Amino acid sequence: MDSTHDLIIEGNSLCHNCRFAEAVEFYTRALGVEEWCECFFNRALAYTRLHEYEKALDEIKTKLQNPLDNRLKYLGEYALTIIGKTSIN
């Protein structure tokens, strides 16, 4: 079984090569092993690169129920701006 760290590294590599849909799969697999904030952030970021802003918002809303770093909040605000909403709720 791959470690969370290994799956994140592979997802990051795919993102750097603009293979965002494949990266989402790796971040999802990583979350199946262990829930790391970085997995949620990176998967939400990949969704924004795929123009799947609602999925990015859903990802962020799920994790904003718990205090996390400000990157998720920023990414949520970005996705809201793109789809023309004013609130994550």
N, C-alpha and C. Protein backbone atom coordinates (compact mmCIF):
# COMPACT_ATOMS: atom_id res chain seq x y z
N MET A 1 0.85 -1.19 0.00
CA MET A 1 0.00 0.00 0.00
C MET A 1 0.88 1.24 0.00
N ASP A 2 0.52 2.22 -0.79
CA ASP A 2 1.25 3.47 -0.84
C ASP A 2 0.98 4.30 0.41
N SER A 3 1.97 5.06 0.83
CA SER A 3 1.78 5.93 1.98
C SER A 3 1.09 7.22 1.52
N THR A 4 0.47 7.91 2.46
CA THR A 4 -0.17 9.19 2.16
C THR A 4 0.84 10.12 1.51
N HIS A 5 2.03 10.18 2.07
CA HIS A 5 3.07 11.07 1.54
C HIS A 5 3.40 10.73 0.09
N ASP A 6 3.58 9.45 -0.22
CA ASP A 6 3.91 9.04 -1.58
C ASP A 6 2.80 9.41 -2.57
N LEU A 7 1.56 9.22 -2.15
CA LEU A 7 0.43 9.55 -3.02
C LEU A 7 0.33 11.06 -3.26
N ILE A 8 0.61 11.84 -2.23
CA ILE A 8 0.60 13.30 -2.38
C ILE A 8 1.70 13.74 -3.34
N ILE A 9 2.88 13.17 -3.18
CA ILE A 9 4.00 13.50 -4.07
C ILE A 9 3.64 13.20 -5.52
N GLU A 10 3.04 12.04 -5.76
CA GLU A 10 2.63 11.69 -7.13
C GLU A 10 1.56 12.64 -7.64
N GLY A 11 0.59 12.97 -6.79
CA GLY A 11 -0.44 13.94 -7.18
C GLY A 11 0.16 15.29 -7.52
N ASN A 12 1.12 15.73 -6.71
CA ASN A 12 1.79 17.00 -6.98
C ASN A 12 2.52 16.98 -8.31
N SER A 13 3.19 15.87 -8.59
CA SER A 13 3.91 15.73 -9.86
C SER A 13 2.93 15.82 -11.03
N LEU A 14 1.79 15.17 -10.90
CA LEU A 14 0.79 15.23 -11.96
C LEU A 14 0.26 16.65 -12.14
N CYS A 15 0.03 17.36 -11.04
CA CYS A 15 -0.42 18.75 -11.13
C CYS A 15 0.61 19.61 -11.85
N HIS A 16 1.86 19.42 -11.52
CA HIS A 16 2.92 20.21 -12.16
C HIS A 16 2.97 19.95 -13.66
N ASN A 17 2.46 18.80 -14.09
CA ASN A 17 2.42 18.45 -15.52
C ASN A 17 1.03 18.67 -16.12
N CYS A 18 0.20 19.45 -15.41
CA CYS A 18 -1.15 19.82 -15.86
C CYS A 18 -2.05 18.61 -16.08
N ARG A 19 -1.84 17.56 -15.33
CA ARG A 19 -2.67 16.35 -15.40
C ARG A 19 -3.56 16.33 -14.15
N PHE A 20 -4.45 17.31 -14.09
CA PHE A 20 -5.21 17.58 -12.88
C PHE A 20 -6.22 16.49 -12.53
N ALA A 21 -6.88 15.91 -13.51
CA ALA A 21 -7.85 14.85 -13.22
C ALA A 21 -7.16 13.64 -12.59
N GLU A 22 -5.99 13.30 -13.09
CA GLU A 22 -5.24 12.19 -12.51
C GLU A 22 -4.75 12.54 -11.11
N ALA A 23 -4.37 13.80 -10.93
CA ALA A 23 -3.91 14.24 -9.61
C ALA A 23 -5.03 14.10 -8.58
N VAL A 24 -6.25 14.46 -8.98
CA VAL A 24 -7.40 14.31 -8.08
C VAL A 24 -7.51 12.87 -7.60
N GLU A 25 -7.30 11.93 -8.50
CA GLU A 25 -7.38 10.51 -8.13
C GLU A 25 -6.34 10.16 -7.06
N PHE A 26 -5.13 10.68 -7.21
CA PHE A 26 -4.08 10.38 -6.23
C PHE A 26 -4.38 11.04 -4.88
N TYR A 27 -4.87 12.28 -4.91
CA TYR A 27 -5.21 12.93 -3.64
C TYR A 27 -6.37 12.19 -2.95
N THR A 28 -7.30 11.70 -3.74
CA THR A 28 -8.42 10.94 -3.18
C THR A 28 -7.91 9.64 -2.55
N ARG A 29 -7.01 8.97 -3.23
CA ARG A 29 -6.41 7.75 -2.66
C ARG A 29 -5.66 8.07 -1.37
N ALA A 30 -4.94 9.19 -1.37
CA ALA A 30 -4.19 9.59 -0.17
C ALA A 30 -5.15 9.82 1.00
N LEU A 31 -6.28 10.45 0.72
CA LEU A 31 -7.26 10.69 1.79
C LEU A 31 -7.87 9.40 2.30
N GLY A 32 -7.87 8.37 1.48
CA GLY A 32 -8.35 7.07 1.92
C GLY A 32 -7.39 6.40 2.90
N VAL A 33 -6.14 6.82 2.86
CA VAL A 33 -5.13 6.27 3.78
C VAL A 33 -5.12 7.08 5.07
N GLU A 34 -5.08 8.41 4.92
CA GLU A 34 -5.00 9.29 6.09
C GLU A 34 -5.45 10.69 5.67
N GLU A 35 -6.24 11.35 6.51
CA GLU A 35 -6.74 12.68 6.19
C GLU A 35 -5.72 13.75 6.57
N TRP A 36 -5.06 14.26 5.58
CA TRP A 36 -4.12 15.37 5.76
C TRP A 36 -4.72 16.61 5.13
N CYS A 37 -4.56 17.73 5.77
CA CYS A 37 -5.05 19.00 5.24
C CYS A 37 -4.50 19.24 3.83
N GLU A 38 -3.25 18.89 3.61
CA GLU A 38 -2.62 19.11 2.30
C GLU A 38 -3.37 18.37 1.20
N CYS A 39 -3.90 17.19 1.51
CA CYS A 39 -4.67 16.44 0.51
C CYS A 39 -5.91 17.20 0.09
N PHE A 40 -6.63 17.72 1.08
CA PHE A 40 -7.85 18.47 0.78
C PHE A 40 -7.52 19.73 -0.01
N PHE A 41 -6.50 20.45 0.41
CA PHE A 41 -6.12 21.68 -0.28
C PHE A 41 -5.71 21.38 -1.72
N ASN A 42 -4.85 20.39 -1.91
CA ASN A 42 -4.36 20.09 -3.25
C ASN A 42 -5.47 19.58 -4.16
N ARG A 43 -6.37 18.78 -3.60
CA ARG A 43 -7.48 18.28 -4.42
C ARG A 43 -8.40 19.43 -4.81
N ALA A 44 -8.68 20.33 -3.87
CA ALA A 44 -9.51 21.50 -4.18
C ALA A 44 -8.83 22.37 -5.24
N LEU A 45 -7.53 22.54 -5.13
CA LEU A 45 -6.79 23.32 -6.11
C LEU A 45 -6.86 22.66 -7.49
N ALA A 46 -6.72 21.34 -7.53
CA ALA A 46 -6.82 20.62 -8.81
C ALA A 46 -8.22 20.80 -9.40
N TYR A 47 -9.25 20.77 -8.55
CA TYR A 47 -10.61 21.00 -9.05
C TYR A 47 -10.72 22.39 -9.68
N THR A 48 -10.11 23.40 -9.07
CA THR A 48 -10.19 24.74 -9.67
C THR A 48 -9.48 24.77 -11.02
N ARG A 49 -8.39 24.04 -11.15
CA ARG A 49 -7.68 23.99 -12.43
C ARG A 49 -8.50 23.27 -13.50
N LEU A 50 -9.40 22.39 -13.06
CA LEU A 50 -10.30 21.69 -13.97
C LEU A 50 -11.60 22.47 -14.20
N HIS A 51 -11.68 23.67 -13.61
CA HIS A 51 -12.87 24.53 -13.67
C HIS A 51 -14.08 23.87 -13.02
N GLU A 52 -13.83 23.02 -12.04
CA GLU A 52 -14.89 22.36 -11.27
C GLU A 52 -14.98 23.07 -9.92
N TYR A 53 -15.45 24.31 -9.98
CA TYR A 53 -15.43 25.19 -8.81
C TYR A 53 -16.38 24.73 -7.72
N GLU A 54 -17.52 24.16 -8.10
CA GLU A 54 -18.46 23.67 -7.09
C GLU A 54 -17.82 22.53 -6.28
N LYS A 55 -17.10 21.64 -6.96
CA LYS A 55 -16.41 20.57 -6.25
C LYS A 55 -15.34 21.13 -5.32
N ALA A 56 -14.64 22.15 -5.79
CA ALA A 56 -13.62 22.79 -4.94
C ALA A 56 -14.28 23.38 -3.70
N LEU A 57 -15.41 24.04 -3.89
CA LEU A 57 -16.13 24.61 -2.75
C LEU A 57 -16.62 23.54 -1.79
N ASP A 58 -17.13 22.45 -2.33
CA ASP A 58 -17.59 21.35 -1.46
C ASP A 58 -16.44 20.82 -0.63
N GLU A 59 -15.28 20.69 -1.27
CA GLU A 59 -14.09 20.21 -0.57
C GLU A 59 -13.74 21.15 0.59
N ILE A 60 -13.78 22.41 0.31
CA ILE A 60 -13.40 23.42 1.30
C ILE A 60 -14.43 23.49 2.42
N LYS A 61 -15.72 23.46 2.05
CA LYS A 61 -16.77 23.52 3.07
C LYS A 61 -16.64 22.37 4.05
N THR A 62 -16.33 21.20 3.53
CA THR A 62 -16.18 20.02 4.38
C THR A 62 -15.10 20.24 5.42
N LYS A 63 -13.97 20.78 5.00
CA LYS A 63 -12.84 20.93 5.92
C LYS A 63 -12.89 22.21 6.73
N LEU A 64 -13.64 23.22 6.31
CA LEU A 64 -13.71 24.46 7.09
C LEU A 64 -14.52 24.28 8.37
N GLN A 65 -15.19 23.14 8.51
CA GLN A 65 -15.89 22.87 9.75
C GLN A 65 -14.89 22.71 10.89
N ASN A 66 -13.66 22.40 10.54
CA ASN A 66 -12.57 22.29 11.51
C ASN A 66 -11.55 23.39 11.19
N PRO A 67 -10.90 23.96 12.20
CA PRO A 67 -9.92 25.00 11.92
C PRO A 67 -8.74 24.43 11.13
N LEU A 68 -8.44 25.06 10.00
CA LEU A 68 -7.32 24.65 9.17
C LEU A 68 -6.50 25.88 8.80
N ASP A 69 -5.51 25.68 7.97
CA ASP A 69 -4.71 26.83 7.55
C ASP A 69 -5.51 27.71 6.60
N ASN A 70 -5.04 28.91 6.40
CA ASN A 70 -5.76 29.91 5.61
C ASN A 70 -5.77 29.62 4.12
N ARG A 71 -4.96 28.67 3.65
CA ARG A 71 -4.96 28.37 2.22
C ARG A 71 -6.32 27.88 1.75
N LEU A 72 -7.01 27.09 2.56
CA LEU A 72 -8.33 26.59 2.15
C LEU A 72 -9.33 27.74 2.06
N LYS A 73 -9.27 28.65 3.01
CA LYS A 73 -10.19 29.78 2.98
C LYS A 73 -9.93 30.64 1.74
N TYR A 74 -8.67 30.88 1.44
CA TYR A 74 -8.32 31.67 0.27
C TYR A 74 -8.81 30.99 -1.01
N LEU A 75 -8.59 29.70 -1.11
CA LEU A 75 -9.00 28.97 -2.30
C LEU A 75 -10.53 28.99 -2.43
N GLY A 76 -11.22 28.89 -1.31
CA GLY A 76 -12.67 28.98 -1.33
C GLY A 76 -13.15 30.32 -1.83
N GLU A 77 -12.50 31.38 -1.38
CA GLU A 77 -12.86 32.72 -1.83
C GLU A 77 -12.60 32.88 -3.33
N TYR A 78 -11.53 32.29 -3.81
CA TYR A 78 -11.22 32.32 -5.24
C TYR A 78 -12.31 31.62 -6.04
N ALA A 79 -12.68 30.41 -5.60
CA ALA A 79 -13.72 29.65 -6.30
C ALA A 79 -15.05 30.40 -6.28
N LEU A 80 -15.38 31.03 -5.16
CA LEU A 80 -16.61 31.81 -5.07
C LEU A 80 -16.60 32.95 -6.07
N THR A 81 -15.47 33.62 -6.18
CA THR A 81 -15.35 34.73 -7.12
C THR A 81 -15.58 34.25 -8.54
N ILE A 82 -15.01 33.13 -8.89
CA ILE A 82 -15.13 32.59 -10.24
C ILE A 82 -16.58 32.25 -10.58
N ILE A 83 -17.30 31.65 -9.64
CA ILE A 83 -18.67 31.24 -9.96
C ILE A 83 -19.71 32.30 -9.58
N GLY A 84 -19.25 33.44 -9.07
CA GLY A 84 -20.14 34.56 -8.82
C GLY A 84 -20.96 34.45 -7.55
N LYS A 85 -20.51 33.68 -6.59
CA LYS A 85 -21.21 33.59 -5.31
C LYS A 85 -20.52 34.50 -4.30
N THR A 86 -21.21 34.80 -3.22
CA THR A 86 -20.62 35.68 -2.21
C THR A 86 -20.38 34.97 -0.89
N SER A 87 -20.85 33.74 -0.75
CA SER A 87 -20.70 33.05 0.52
C SER A 87 -20.47 31.56 0.29
N ILE A 88 -19.63 30.96 1.12
CA ILE A 88 -19.40 29.52 1.03
C ILE A 88 -20.64 28.75 1.44
N ASN A 89 -21.45 29.28 2.31
CA ASN A 89 -22.64 28.55 2.79
C ASN A 89 -23.68 28.41 1.77
